[in-house]
N, C-alpha and C. Protein backbone atom coordinates (compact mmCIF):
# COMPACT_ATOMS: atom_id res chain seq x y z
N MET A 1 -7.31 -29.02 -6.98
CA MET A 1 -7.37 -27.74 -6.51
C MET A 1 -6.09 -27.28 -6.03
N LYS A 2 -6.33 -25.96 -6.79
CA LYS A 2 -4.77 -25.50 -5.98
C LYS A 2 -4.84 -24.80 -5.05
N GLU A 3 -3.01 -24.81 -4.33
CA GLU A 3 -2.92 -24.55 -2.98
C GLU A 3 -2.94 -23.03 -2.66
N LEU A 4 -3.79 -23.01 -1.99
CA LEU A 4 -4.36 -21.58 -1.31
C LEU A 4 -3.33 -20.91 -0.41
N SER A 5 -2.40 -21.56 -0.04
CA SER A 5 -1.58 -20.43 1.54
C SER A 5 -0.56 -19.83 0.39
N GLU A 6 -0.53 -18.82 0.48
CA GLU A 6 0.36 -17.34 0.22
C GLU A 6 1.03 -16.28 1.12
N PHE A 7 2.45 -16.22 0.87
CA PHE A 7 3.09 -15.44 2.08
C PHE A 7 2.90 -13.63 2.02
N VAL A 8 2.62 -13.42 2.61
CA VAL A 8 2.39 -11.59 2.30
C VAL A 8 2.94 -11.00 3.26
N PHE A 9 3.56 -10.03 3.11
CA PHE A 9 4.78 -9.26 3.50
C PHE A 9 4.07 -8.19 4.03
N GLY A 10 4.46 -7.94 5.69
CA GLY A 10 3.65 -6.39 6.04
C GLY A 10 4.30 -5.42 6.25
N SER A 11 4.77 -5.07 7.17
CA SER A 11 6.06 -3.88 6.99
C SER A 11 7.23 -3.91 6.65
N ILE A 12 8.08 -3.47 6.13
CA ILE A 12 9.19 -4.38 6.16
C ILE A 12 10.11 -2.80 5.88
N GLU A 13 11.44 -2.94 6.73
CA GLU A 13 12.17 -1.90 6.83
C GLU A 13 12.74 -1.65 5.14
N PRO A 14 12.95 -0.74 4.50
CA PRO A 14 13.13 -0.63 3.47
C PRO A 14 14.08 -1.13 3.07
N LEU A 15 15.42 -1.07 3.80
CA LEU A 15 16.70 -1.33 3.40
C LEU A 15 17.19 -2.67 3.51
N LEU A 16 16.01 -3.90 3.74
CA LEU A 16 15.94 -4.96 3.86
C LEU A 16 16.47 -5.37 2.17
N ILE A 17 15.10 -4.51 1.59
CA ILE A 17 15.14 -4.77 -0.01
C ILE A 17 16.41 -4.41 -1.09
N THR A 18 17.26 -5.61 -1.09
CA THR A 18 18.38 -5.37 -1.90
C THR A 18 18.01 -6.91 -2.92
N ASP A 19 19.32 -6.71 -3.39
CA ASP A 19 19.29 -7.57 -4.70
C ASP A 19 19.06 -8.73 -4.35
N GLU A 20 19.78 -8.95 -3.55
CA GLU A 20 20.41 -10.50 -3.01
C GLU A 20 18.84 -11.15 -2.50
N PHE A 21 18.32 -9.95 -1.85
CA PHE A 21 16.88 -10.57 -0.97
C PHE A 21 16.37 -10.46 -2.05
N LEU A 22 15.44 -10.18 -3.52
CA LEU A 22 14.76 -9.96 -4.21
C LEU A 22 15.21 -11.41 -5.17
N SER A 23 16.47 -11.57 -4.94
CA SER A 23 16.89 -12.92 -6.07
C SER A 23 16.33 -14.02 -5.55
N ARG A 24 16.66 -13.84 -4.04
CA ARG A 24 15.92 -15.20 -3.00
C ARG A 24 14.53 -15.34 -3.31
N LEU A 25 13.66 -14.31 -3.19
CA LEU A 25 12.51 -13.68 -3.18
C LEU A 25 11.86 -14.61 -4.73
N GLN A 26 12.09 -14.43 -5.42
CA GLN A 26 11.93 -14.65 -7.24
C GLN A 26 11.77 -16.43 -6.98
N LYS A 27 12.96 -16.68 -6.36
CA LYS A 27 12.67 -18.42 -5.91
C LYS A 27 11.45 -18.98 -5.77
N LEU A 28 10.87 -18.15 -4.90
CA LEU A 28 9.51 -18.66 -3.80
C LEU A 28 8.38 -18.69 -4.80
N GLU A 29 7.75 -19.48 -4.78
CA GLU A 29 6.29 -19.39 -5.77
C GLU A 29 5.48 -18.98 -5.14
N LYS A 30 4.91 -18.98 -3.81
CA LYS A 30 3.90 -18.25 -2.82
C LYS A 30 4.46 -17.05 -2.27
N ILE A 31 4.65 -16.46 -3.01
CA ILE A 31 4.71 -14.88 -2.63
C ILE A 31 3.40 -13.77 -2.61
N CYS A 32 3.02 -13.07 -2.09
CA CYS A 32 1.95 -12.28 -2.66
C CYS A 32 2.63 -11.09 -3.20
N HIS A 33 2.35 -10.63 -4.14
CA HIS A 33 3.17 -9.43 -4.85
C HIS A 33 2.21 -8.17 -4.28
N HIS A 34 2.80 -8.22 -3.01
CA HIS A 34 2.32 -7.16 -2.21
C HIS A 34 3.31 -6.82 -0.89
N PHE A 35 3.66 -5.08 -1.01
CA PHE A 35 4.50 -5.22 0.01
C PHE A 35 4.72 -3.47 0.85
N HIS A 36 4.43 -3.93 1.87
CA HIS A 36 4.28 -2.67 2.73
C HIS A 36 5.62 -1.70 3.08
N LEU A 37 6.18 -0.88 2.55
CA LEU A 37 7.28 -0.33 2.98
C LEU A 37 6.84 0.95 4.14
N SER A 38 7.53 1.11 4.85
CA SER A 38 7.55 2.10 6.27
C SER A 38 8.13 2.76 5.59
N LEU A 39 7.90 4.55 5.06
CA LEU A 39 8.27 5.60 4.82
C LEU A 39 8.67 6.60 5.70
N GLN A 40 7.32 6.84 6.25
CA GLN A 40 7.12 8.02 7.46
C GLN A 40 7.11 9.15 6.75
N SER A 41 8.07 9.58 5.73
CA SER A 41 8.43 10.88 5.42
C SER A 41 9.12 11.11 4.37
N GLY A 42 8.54 11.89 3.27
CA GLY A 42 9.11 11.95 1.91
C GLY A 42 10.51 12.95 1.91
N CYS A 43 10.62 13.39 2.89
CA CYS A 43 11.56 14.80 2.76
C CYS A 43 12.75 14.23 4.00
N ASP A 44 13.93 14.23 3.21
CA ASP A 44 15.01 13.57 4.12
C ASP A 44 15.73 14.30 5.10
N GLU A 45 15.23 15.99 5.20
CA GLU A 45 15.58 16.44 6.29
C GLU A 45 14.51 16.08 7.59
N THR A 46 13.15 15.39 7.43
CA THR A 46 12.40 15.08 8.34
C THR A 46 12.98 14.01 8.73
N LEU A 47 13.38 12.81 7.73
CA LEU A 47 13.86 11.67 7.97
C LEU A 47 15.27 11.40 9.03
N LEU A 48 15.65 12.53 8.72
CA LEU A 48 16.91 12.64 9.41
C LEU A 48 16.32 12.90 11.15
N ARG A 49 15.68 13.83 11.28
CA ARG A 49 15.01 14.32 12.77
C ARG A 49 14.65 12.88 13.11
N MET A 50 13.67 11.91 12.80
CA MET A 50 13.05 10.64 12.86
C MET A 50 14.11 9.81 13.30
N ASN A 51 15.19 10.32 12.80
CA ASN A 51 16.35 8.97 12.72
C ASN A 51 16.49 7.91 12.21
N ARG A 52 15.36 8.51 10.87
CA ARG A 52 15.52 6.94 10.10
C ARG A 52 17.04 6.77 8.91
N ARG A 53 17.11 5.53 8.94
CA ARG A 53 18.67 5.13 8.23
C ARG A 53 18.68 5.51 6.73
N TYR A 54 17.77 5.72 6.06
CA TYR A 54 17.73 6.04 4.76
C TYR A 54 17.35 7.08 3.89
N THR A 55 17.85 7.36 2.76
CA THR A 55 17.13 8.71 2.18
C THR A 55 16.02 8.50 1.31
N THR A 56 15.41 9.56 0.92
CA THR A 56 14.34 9.61 -0.21
C THR A 56 14.77 9.21 -1.45
N LYS A 57 16.32 8.96 -1.75
CA LYS A 57 16.73 8.53 -2.71
C LYS A 57 17.21 7.20 -3.14
N GLN A 58 17.47 6.53 -1.95
CA GLN A 58 17.57 4.97 -1.45
C GLN A 58 15.89 4.78 -1.45
N PHE A 59 15.10 4.75 -0.95
CA PHE A 59 13.69 4.44 -0.85
C PHE A 59 13.07 4.27 -2.46
N ALA A 60 13.17 5.38 -3.43
CA ALA A 60 12.84 5.27 -4.63
C ALA A 60 13.41 4.02 -5.70
N GLU A 61 14.95 4.19 -4.95
CA GLU A 61 15.56 2.98 -5.56
C GLU A 61 15.21 1.88 -5.47
N ILE A 62 14.49 1.31 -4.00
CA ILE A 62 13.90 0.15 -3.66
C ILE A 62 12.80 0.11 -4.28
N VAL A 63 11.91 0.82 -4.52
CA VAL A 63 10.42 0.78 -5.21
C VAL A 63 10.69 0.31 -6.34
N GLN A 64 11.57 0.97 -7.34
CA GLN A 64 12.02 0.89 -8.82
C GLN A 64 12.48 -0.93 -8.79
N LYS A 65 13.33 -1.37 -8.05
CA LYS A 65 13.94 -2.67 -7.60
C LYS A 65 12.63 -3.85 -7.57
N LEU A 66 11.96 -3.00 -6.61
CA LEU A 66 10.29 -4.13 -6.59
C LEU A 66 9.75 -4.25 -8.07
N ARG A 67 9.20 -3.05 -8.45
CA ARG A 67 8.65 -2.86 -9.66
C ARG A 67 9.49 -3.31 -11.08
N ASN A 68 10.41 -3.26 -10.84
CA ASN A 68 11.18 -4.04 -12.06
C ASN A 68 11.31 -5.65 -11.79
N THR A 69 10.88 -6.17 -10.90
CA THR A 69 10.98 -7.74 -10.26
C THR A 69 9.51 -8.10 -10.32
N TYR A 70 8.39 -7.39 -9.97
CA TYR A 70 7.31 -7.73 -10.12
C TYR A 70 6.63 -7.23 -10.75
N GLU A 71 5.94 -6.66 -12.08
CA GLU A 71 5.29 -6.15 -13.09
C GLU A 71 3.74 -5.85 -12.30
N ASP A 72 3.70 -6.37 -11.49
CA ASP A 72 1.97 -6.50 -11.10
C ASP A 72 1.90 -6.19 -9.54
N VAL A 73 3.17 -6.10 -8.97
CA VAL A 73 3.23 -5.14 -7.89
C VAL A 73 2.11 -4.09 -7.34
N ILE A 74 2.19 -4.43 -6.15
CA ILE A 74 1.07 -3.18 -5.10
C ILE A 74 1.54 -2.73 -3.92
N LEU A 75 2.19 -1.53 -3.91
CA LEU A 75 3.02 -1.02 -2.99
C LEU A 75 2.09 0.09 -2.06
N THR A 76 2.11 -0.72 -0.66
CA THR A 76 1.63 0.56 0.21
C THR A 76 2.17 1.38 1.36
N THR A 77 2.18 1.60 2.15
CA THR A 77 3.27 2.95 3.05
C THR A 77 2.57 3.51 4.31
N ASP A 78 3.39 3.64 5.43
CA ASP A 78 2.83 4.43 6.50
C ASP A 78 3.48 5.95 6.30
N ILE A 79 3.01 7.15 6.33
CA ILE A 79 3.37 8.10 6.48
C ILE A 79 2.79 9.18 8.05
N ILE A 80 3.97 10.04 8.54
CA ILE A 80 3.88 10.65 9.52
C ILE A 80 3.57 12.16 9.27
N VAL A 81 2.44 13.20 9.41
CA VAL A 81 2.44 14.53 9.21
C VAL A 81 2.80 15.06 10.54
N GLY A 82 3.16 15.82 10.41
CA GLY A 82 3.40 16.91 11.77
C GLY A 82 4.25 16.51 12.62
N PHE A 83 5.41 16.36 12.02
CA PHE A 83 6.20 15.33 13.14
C PHE A 83 7.30 16.81 13.48
N PRO A 84 7.86 17.50 14.40
CA PRO A 84 8.11 18.51 15.26
C PRO A 84 9.04 18.93 13.74
N GLY A 85 8.68 20.23 14.00
CA GLY A 85 10.05 20.70 12.54
C GLY A 85 9.70 20.93 11.21
N GLU A 86 8.43 19.86 11.07
CA GLU A 86 8.49 19.89 10.04
C GLU A 86 7.42 21.57 9.09
N THR A 87 8.49 21.84 8.41
CA THR A 87 7.70 23.24 7.69
C THR A 87 6.85 23.06 6.95
N GLU A 88 6.53 23.64 6.26
CA GLU A 88 5.70 23.72 5.15
C GLU A 88 5.96 23.63 3.59
N GLU A 89 7.98 24.11 3.68
CA GLU A 89 8.77 23.27 2.75
C GLU A 89 8.88 21.82 2.63
N GLU A 90 8.99 21.35 3.72
CA GLU A 90 9.32 20.32 3.77
C GLU A 90 8.27 19.21 3.61
N PHE A 91 7.19 19.43 4.24
CA PHE A 91 5.49 18.76 3.78
C PHE A 91 5.69 18.80 2.43
N GLU A 92 5.84 20.01 1.53
CA GLU A 92 5.67 20.07 0.42
C GLU A 92 6.77 18.92 -0.16
N LYS A 93 7.92 18.89 0.19
CA LYS A 93 8.79 17.69 -0.18
C LYS A 93 8.44 16.26 -0.09
N THR A 94 7.63 16.19 0.85
CA THR A 94 7.03 15.25 0.82
C THR A 94 5.68 14.56 0.03
N LYS A 95 5.37 15.71 -0.04
CA LYS A 95 3.80 15.36 -0.95
C LYS A 95 4.24 15.10 -2.12
N ASP A 96 5.40 16.03 -2.86
CA ASP A 96 6.12 15.56 -4.15
C ASP A 96 6.73 14.51 -4.60
N PHE A 97 6.88 13.67 -3.16
CA PHE A 97 8.09 12.91 -3.49
C PHE A 97 6.87 11.51 -3.64
N LEU A 98 5.85 11.90 -2.61
CA LEU A 98 4.51 10.76 -2.99
C LEU A 98 3.90 10.78 -4.17
N GLU A 99 4.22 12.30 -5.07
CA GLU A 99 3.47 11.97 -6.25
C GLU A 99 4.13 11.39 -6.93
N LYS A 100 5.31 11.35 -6.61
CA LYS A 100 6.51 10.26 -7.88
C LYS A 100 6.18 9.19 -7.71
N ILE A 101 5.96 8.84 -6.68
CA ILE A 101 6.48 7.06 -6.02
C ILE A 101 4.71 6.60 -6.48
N LYS A 102 3.41 7.45 -6.25
CA LYS A 102 2.55 6.86 -6.47
C LYS A 102 2.14 5.54 -5.57
N PHE A 103 1.65 5.52 -4.43
CA PHE A 103 1.98 4.47 -3.69
C PHE A 103 0.24 4.00 -3.98
N TYR A 104 -0.50 2.46 -3.94
CA TYR A 104 -1.34 2.34 -4.11
C TYR A 104 -2.50 2.71 -2.86
N LYS A 105 -1.85 2.80 -1.73
CA LYS A 105 -2.65 3.33 -0.15
C LYS A 105 -1.63 3.87 0.38
N MET A 106 -1.89 4.74 1.07
CA MET A 106 -0.81 5.17 2.33
C MET A 106 -2.01 5.49 3.58
N HIS A 107 -1.04 5.02 4.27
CA HIS A 107 -2.02 5.08 5.72
C HIS A 107 -1.52 6.40 6.68
N ILE A 108 -2.14 7.27 6.71
CA ILE A 108 -1.57 8.98 6.93
C ILE A 108 -1.80 8.77 8.75
N PHE A 109 -1.06 9.28 9.39
CA PHE A 109 -0.76 9.23 10.76
C PHE A 109 -0.54 10.35 11.49
N LYS A 110 -1.53 11.22 12.20
CA LYS A 110 -0.86 12.73 12.45
C LYS A 110 0.57 12.38 13.72
N TYR A 111 1.27 12.67 13.88
CA TYR A 111 2.10 12.75 14.88
C TYR A 111 1.41 13.48 16.59
N SER A 112 1.55 12.43 17.12
CA SER A 112 1.38 12.95 18.37
C SER A 112 2.40 12.50 19.34
N VAL A 113 2.81 13.60 20.73
CA VAL A 113 3.48 13.15 21.34
C VAL A 113 3.83 11.92 22.54
N ARG A 114 4.86 11.27 22.37
CA ARG A 114 4.62 10.14 23.20
C ARG A 114 5.80 10.11 24.17
N SER A 115 5.70 10.44 25.73
CA SER A 115 6.45 10.35 26.70
C SER A 115 7.63 9.86 26.40
N GLY A 116 8.63 10.44 26.62
CA GLY A 116 9.95 9.82 26.89
C GLY A 116 10.81 9.62 25.91
N THR A 117 10.26 10.40 24.73
CA THR A 117 10.81 10.03 23.50
C THR A 117 11.34 11.43 22.97
N LYS A 118 12.59 10.82 22.04
CA LYS A 118 13.41 12.57 22.19
C LYS A 118 12.67 13.53 21.24
N ALA A 119 11.48 12.92 20.19
CA ALA A 119 10.58 14.03 19.68
C ALA A 119 9.61 15.12 20.68
N GLU A 120 9.29 14.34 21.95
CA GLU A 120 8.60 15.13 22.84
C GLU A 120 9.30 16.41 23.30
N LYS A 121 10.68 16.32 23.02
CA LYS A 121 11.24 17.70 23.28
C LYS A 121 12.52 18.45 22.31
N MET A 122 11.38 17.82 21.15
CA MET A 122 11.61 18.66 20.16
C MET A 122 11.46 20.24 19.89
N GLU A 123 11.72 20.89 19.31
CA GLU A 123 11.23 22.72 19.01
C GLU A 123 10.38 22.28 18.42
N HIS A 124 9.56 23.61 18.20
CA HIS A 124 8.86 23.40 16.90
C HIS A 124 7.89 22.01 16.25
N GLN A 125 7.05 22.33 17.84
CA GLN A 125 6.03 21.00 17.55
C GLN A 125 5.07 21.48 16.70
N ILE A 126 3.97 20.71 15.91
CA ILE A 126 3.17 21.22 15.05
C ILE A 126 1.95 21.59 15.84
N ILE A 127 1.26 22.70 15.39
CA ILE A 127 -0.60 22.59 15.53
C ILE A 127 -1.17 21.58 15.63
N ASN A 128 -2.34 21.04 15.95
CA ASN A 128 -2.93 20.03 15.55
C ASN A 128 -3.93 20.46 14.11
N ARG A 129 -4.31 21.64 14.56
CA ARG A 129 -4.63 22.34 12.52
C ARG A 129 -4.03 22.38 11.49
N VAL A 130 -2.80 22.64 11.63
CA VAL A 130 -1.77 21.98 10.78
C VAL A 130 -1.73 20.52 10.34
N LYS A 131 -1.43 19.99 11.25
CA LYS A 131 -1.78 18.30 11.10
C LYS A 131 -2.89 18.06 10.37
N GLU A 132 -3.98 18.43 10.76
CA GLU A 132 -5.30 17.77 10.34
C GLU A 132 -5.69 18.11 8.97
N GLU A 133 -4.97 19.33 8.56
CA GLU A 133 -4.94 19.97 6.95
C GLU A 133 -3.81 19.29 6.07
N ARG A 134 -2.86 18.49 6.74
CA ARG A 134 -1.68 18.23 5.74
C ARG A 134 -2.34 16.81 5.86
N SER A 135 -2.99 16.11 6.57
CA SER A 135 -3.32 14.53 7.05
C SER A 135 -4.13 14.65 5.65
N GLN A 136 -5.11 15.38 5.60
CA GLN A 136 -6.40 15.28 4.76
C GLN A 136 -5.85 15.42 3.16
N ARG A 137 -4.83 16.46 3.23
CA ARG A 137 -4.61 16.23 1.70
C ARG A 137 -3.90 15.19 1.14
N LEU A 138 -2.88 14.19 1.96
CA LEU A 138 -2.25 12.90 1.66
C LEU A 138 -3.48 11.80 1.43
N MET A 139 -4.55 12.11 2.83
CA MET A 139 -5.67 11.17 2.31
C MET A 139 -6.18 11.12 0.88
N GLU A 140 -6.19 12.65 0.66
CA GLU A 140 -7.00 12.62 -0.53
C GLU A 140 -6.00 12.20 -1.89
N MET A 141 -5.04 12.24 -2.07
CA MET A 141 -4.02 11.72 -2.93
C MET A 141 -3.94 10.17 -3.35
N SER A 142 -4.30 9.77 -1.56
CA SER A 142 -4.03 8.32 -1.38
C SER A 142 -5.50 7.75 -2.16
N GLU A 143 -6.53 8.17 -2.09
CA GLU A 143 -7.43 7.81 -2.27
C GLU A 143 -7.53 7.61 -3.86
N LYS A 144 -7.32 8.99 -4.84
CA LYS A 144 -7.05 9.10 -6.26
C LYS A 144 -5.88 8.03 -6.44
N ASN A 145 -5.01 7.67 -5.92
CA ASN A 145 -4.54 6.53 -6.20
C ASN A 145 -5.16 4.98 -6.25
N GLN A 146 -5.84 4.89 -5.27
CA GLN A 146 -6.00 3.73 -5.27
C GLN A 146 -7.04 3.62 -6.57
N GLU A 147 -8.00 4.95 -7.23
CA GLU A 147 -9.03 4.65 -8.08
C GLU A 147 -8.36 4.72 -9.39
N PHE A 148 -6.84 4.98 -9.26
CA PHE A 148 -5.95 4.88 -10.15
C PHE A 148 -5.42 3.59 -10.90
N TYR A 149 -5.24 2.99 -9.84
CA TYR A 149 -4.60 1.31 -9.45
C TYR A 149 -6.26 0.79 -10.16
N HIS A 150 -7.22 0.63 -9.87
CA HIS A 150 -8.43 -0.26 -9.74
C HIS A 150 -8.78 0.01 -11.32
N ARG A 151 -8.77 1.16 -11.57
CA ARG A 151 -9.04 1.04 -13.30
C ARG A 151 -8.16 0.67 -13.70
N GLN A 152 -6.81 0.28 -13.74
CA GLN A 152 -5.50 -0.50 -14.82
C GLN A 152 -6.67 -1.95 -14.82
N TRP A 153 -7.32 -2.66 -13.85
CA TRP A 153 -7.58 -4.06 -13.81
C TRP A 153 -8.79 -3.87 -14.50
N ILE A 154 -9.74 -3.08 -14.82
CA ILE A 154 -10.85 -3.53 -15.30
C ILE A 154 -10.62 -4.20 -16.57
N GLY A 155 -11.73 -5.29 -16.90
CA GLY A 155 -11.34 -6.00 -18.03
C GLY A 155 -10.42 -6.90 -18.49
N LYS A 156 -9.85 -6.88 -17.20
CA LYS A 156 -8.24 -7.56 -17.05
C LYS A 156 -8.70 -9.15 -16.26
N LYS A 157 -8.62 -10.34 -16.73
CA LYS A 157 -8.70 -11.55 -15.99
C LYS A 157 -7.89 -12.17 -14.34
N VAL A 158 -7.97 -11.81 -13.40
CA VAL A 158 -7.55 -12.81 -12.64
C VAL A 158 -7.77 -13.64 -11.67
N ASP A 159 -6.59 -14.32 -11.19
CA ASP A 159 -7.12 -14.97 -9.73
C ASP A 159 -7.55 -15.11 -8.54
N ILE A 160 -8.54 -15.17 -8.20
CA ILE A 160 -8.91 -14.74 -6.97
C ILE A 160 -9.38 -15.97 -5.49
N LEU A 161 -8.40 -15.62 -4.70
CA LEU A 161 -8.47 -16.60 -3.94
C LEU A 161 -9.65 -16.39 -2.87
N VAL A 162 -10.91 -16.79 -2.73
CA VAL A 162 -12.32 -16.12 -2.32
C VAL A 162 -12.66 -16.96 -0.83
N GLU A 163 -11.96 -15.74 0.10
CA GLU A 163 -12.17 -15.89 1.69
C GLU A 163 -13.81 -15.78 2.63
N GLU A 164 -14.22 -15.07 1.90
CA GLU A 164 -15.65 -15.00 2.56
C GLU A 164 -16.82 -14.72 1.50
N LYS A 165 -17.86 -14.30 2.62
CA LYS A 165 -19.23 -14.21 1.69
C LYS A 165 -19.37 -12.52 2.73
N ASP A 166 -20.02 -11.60 2.13
CA ASP A 166 -20.03 -10.23 2.52
C ASP A 166 -21.44 -9.95 1.87
N GLY A 167 -22.70 -9.81 2.52
CA GLY A 167 -23.80 -10.05 1.76
C GLY A 167 -24.27 -10.76 0.78
N GLU A 168 -24.43 -10.23 -0.58
CA GLU A 168 -24.97 -10.86 -1.68
C GLU A 168 -23.76 -11.35 -2.46
N PHE A 169 -22.07 -10.58 -2.04
CA PHE A 169 -21.11 -11.18 -2.43
C PHE A 169 -20.19 -12.17 -2.06
N TYR A 170 -19.57 -12.77 -2.70
CA TYR A 170 -18.50 -13.33 -2.36
C TYR A 170 -17.06 -12.30 -2.49
N GLN A 171 -16.37 -12.48 -1.71
CA GLN A 171 -14.60 -11.82 -1.93
C GLN A 171 -13.73 -12.40 -1.50
N GLY A 172 -12.39 -11.65 -2.13
CA GLY A 172 -11.60 -12.29 -2.02
C GLY A 172 -9.90 -11.33 -2.57
N HIS A 173 -8.76 -11.88 -2.99
CA HIS A 173 -7.49 -10.93 -2.70
C HIS A 173 -7.01 -12.11 -4.10
N THR A 174 -6.68 -10.93 -5.32
CA THR A 174 -5.68 -11.47 -6.04
C THR A 174 -4.45 -11.93 -5.65
N ALA A 175 -3.40 -12.23 -6.33
CA ALA A 175 -1.83 -12.46 -6.09
C ALA A 175 -1.74 -10.94 -5.79
N ASN A 176 -1.42 -10.11 -5.99
CA ASN A 176 -1.14 -8.98 -5.38
C ASN A 176 -1.55 -8.17 -4.57
N TYR A 177 -2.58 -8.82 -3.88
CA TYR A 177 -3.32 -8.62 -2.68
C TYR A 177 -4.78 -7.12 -2.63
N LEU A 178 -5.21 -7.20 -4.26
CA LEU A 178 -6.26 -6.38 -4.16
C LEU A 178 -7.88 -7.31 -4.03
N LEU A 179 -8.57 -6.57 -3.06
CA LEU A 179 -9.91 -6.89 -2.85
C LEU A 179 -11.15 -6.98 -4.30
N VAL A 180 -11.08 -7.97 -4.58
CA VAL A 180 -12.51 -8.51 -5.22
C VAL A 180 -13.89 -9.16 -4.93
N LYS A 181 -14.47 -8.34 -5.29
CA LYS A 181 -15.74 -8.87 -5.20
C LYS A 181 -16.93 -9.77 -6.58
N MET A 182 -17.51 -10.20 -6.39
CA MET A 182 -18.02 -11.25 -7.33
C MET A 182 -19.60 -12.16 -6.57
N LYS A 183 -20.43 -12.21 -7.08
CA LYS A 183 -22.04 -13.31 -6.79
C LYS A 183 -21.41 -14.48 -7.80
N SER A 184 -22.39 -15.23 -6.96
CA SER A 184 -22.28 -16.59 -7.65
C SER A 184 -23.52 -17.51 -6.99
N ASN A 185 -23.52 -18.44 -7.53
CA ASN A 185 -24.64 -19.14 -7.32
C ASN A 185 -24.58 -20.46 -6.48
N THR A 186 -23.03 -21.00 -6.32
CA THR A 186 -22.62 -21.61 -5.63
C THR A 186 -21.51 -21.05 -4.14
N ASP A 187 -21.32 -21.95 -3.52
CA ASP A 187 -20.54 -21.90 -2.02
C ASP A 187 -18.76 -21.64 -2.80
N LEU A 188 -17.78 -20.20 -2.63
CA LEU A 188 -16.77 -20.27 -3.34
C LEU A 188 -16.04 -20.16 -2.45
N ILE A 189 -16.29 -20.50 -1.20
CA ILE A 189 -15.40 -20.15 -0.16
C ILE A 189 -14.06 -20.71 0.18
N ASN A 190 -12.60 -20.66 -0.03
CA ASN A 190 -11.23 -21.61 -0.08
C ASN A 190 -11.11 -21.52 -1.73
N GLN A 191 -11.68 -21.58 -2.41
CA GLN A 191 -11.48 -21.87 -3.90
C GLN A 191 -11.08 -20.36 -4.40
N ILE A 192 -10.02 -21.32 -5.63
CA ILE A 192 -9.45 -20.09 -6.30
C ILE A 192 -9.99 -19.79 -7.76
N GLU A 193 -10.66 -18.99 -7.90
CA GLU A 193 -11.70 -18.51 -9.11
C GLU A 193 -10.93 -17.68 -10.34
N VAL A 194 -10.57 -18.22 -11.77
CA VAL A 194 -10.11 -16.74 -12.32
C VAL A 194 -11.66 -16.25 -12.88
N VAL A 195 -11.67 -14.61 -12.69
CA VAL A 195 -12.49 -14.28 -12.82
C VAL A 195 -12.10 -12.90 -14.25
N THR A 196 -13.22 -11.87 -14.14
CA THR A 196 -12.79 -10.90 -15.23
C THR A 196 -13.60 -9.40 -14.52
N ILE A 197 -12.20 -8.68 -14.10
CA ILE A 197 -12.86 -7.42 -13.42
C ILE A 197 -13.68 -6.37 -14.24
N GLN A 198 -14.87 -6.78 -13.91
CA GLN A 198 -15.83 -5.73 -14.63
C GLN A 198 -15.89 -4.58 -14.75
N LYS A 199 -15.68 -3.92 -12.98
CA LYS A 199 -15.96 -2.21 -12.96
C LYS A 199 -15.73 -1.95 -11.68
N PHE A 200 -15.60 -0.88 -11.57
CA PHE A 200 -14.92 -0.14 -10.12
C PHE A 200 -15.88 0.56 -9.66
N SER A 201 -16.72 -0.10 -8.63
CA SER A 201 -17.92 0.90 -8.07
C SER A 201 -17.68 1.05 -6.45
N ASN A 202 -18.32 2.39 -6.24
CA ASN A 202 -18.25 2.17 -4.51
C ASN A 202 -16.98 2.16 -4.11
N ALA A 203 -15.46 2.49 -4.63
CA ALA A 203 -14.36 2.23 -4.28
C ALA A 203 -14.48 0.66 -4.24
N GLU A 204 -14.52 -0.33 -4.83
CA GLU A 204 -14.07 -1.61 -4.72
C GLU A 204 -14.47 -2.44 -6.64
N LEU A 205 -13.60 -2.84 -6.57
CA LEU A 205 -13.47 -4.35 -7.64
C LEU A 205 -14.31 -5.26 -7.92
N ILE A 206 -15.47 -5.20 -8.55
CA ILE A 206 -16.39 -6.00 -9.00
C ILE A 206 -15.93 -6.89 -10.33
N ALA A 207 -16.11 -8.28 -10.03
CA ALA A 207 -15.85 -9.21 -11.26
C ALA A 207 -17.25 -10.07 -11.56
N GLU A 208 -16.92 -10.38 -12.74
CA GLU A 208 -17.94 -11.07 -13.17
C GLU A 208 -18.81 -11.99 -12.20
N ASN A 209 -20.26 -12.12 -12.56
CA ASN A 209 -21.20 -13.76 -11.82
C ASN A 209 -19.82 -14.74 -11.84
N VAL A 210 -19.92 -15.70 -11.12
CA VAL A 210 -19.19 -16.75 -11.20
C VAL A 210 -20.58 -17.74 -11.21
N THR A 211 -20.58 -18.58 -12.48
CA THR A 211 -21.90 -19.38 -12.13
C THR A 211 -21.18 -20.75 -12.69
N LYS A 212 -21.89 -22.14 -11.49
CA LYS A 212 -21.32 -23.45 -12.05
C LYS A 212 -22.89 -23.78 -11.65
N MET A 213 -22.34 -25.39 -12.32
CA MET A 213 -23.45 -26.13 -13.05
C MET A 213 -23.86 -26.98 -11.27
């Protein structure tokens, strides 16, 4: 049986993704091709107020490095909307940048005041109605991105590490951490199965049934 363990990278400081870092990473076999890069904002002015050390140009270059290194890489991120001083123009810059990068999934957070932080005392706090509207627009984008990526996998063969059973389906993840469901007449848990993705239904990837004698 194949080895089942694989390393998954969680939230990574974007500037850690250097050529040297990727060169060393490529030498490791058990790396999940999924990276969660915490962007926070796609607007340089907002990033500066957030005291982030990178620019959108640097971030875009890092994304390209990852995509050049792993052709099946899946990228996710965190975005904060409504940070103090975020104008409609700044939000549109973020939206345009996110459309350019096209993350697989975005975790959208509405800024909330934290006592004792510099942001608490910043001028031009954003009202809840605006934060909610901006959050909704980005969540809709994230859902469309997920559907776009999922549909690219229909008809392709993939290795699945089956982890658990959910109702009538077994489910597990691909090498780039996409969740796939399948049916089987035998127990598949902790097995690696090669399956063909059949369809994208109800926001889920469904593979062919696995039949064993």
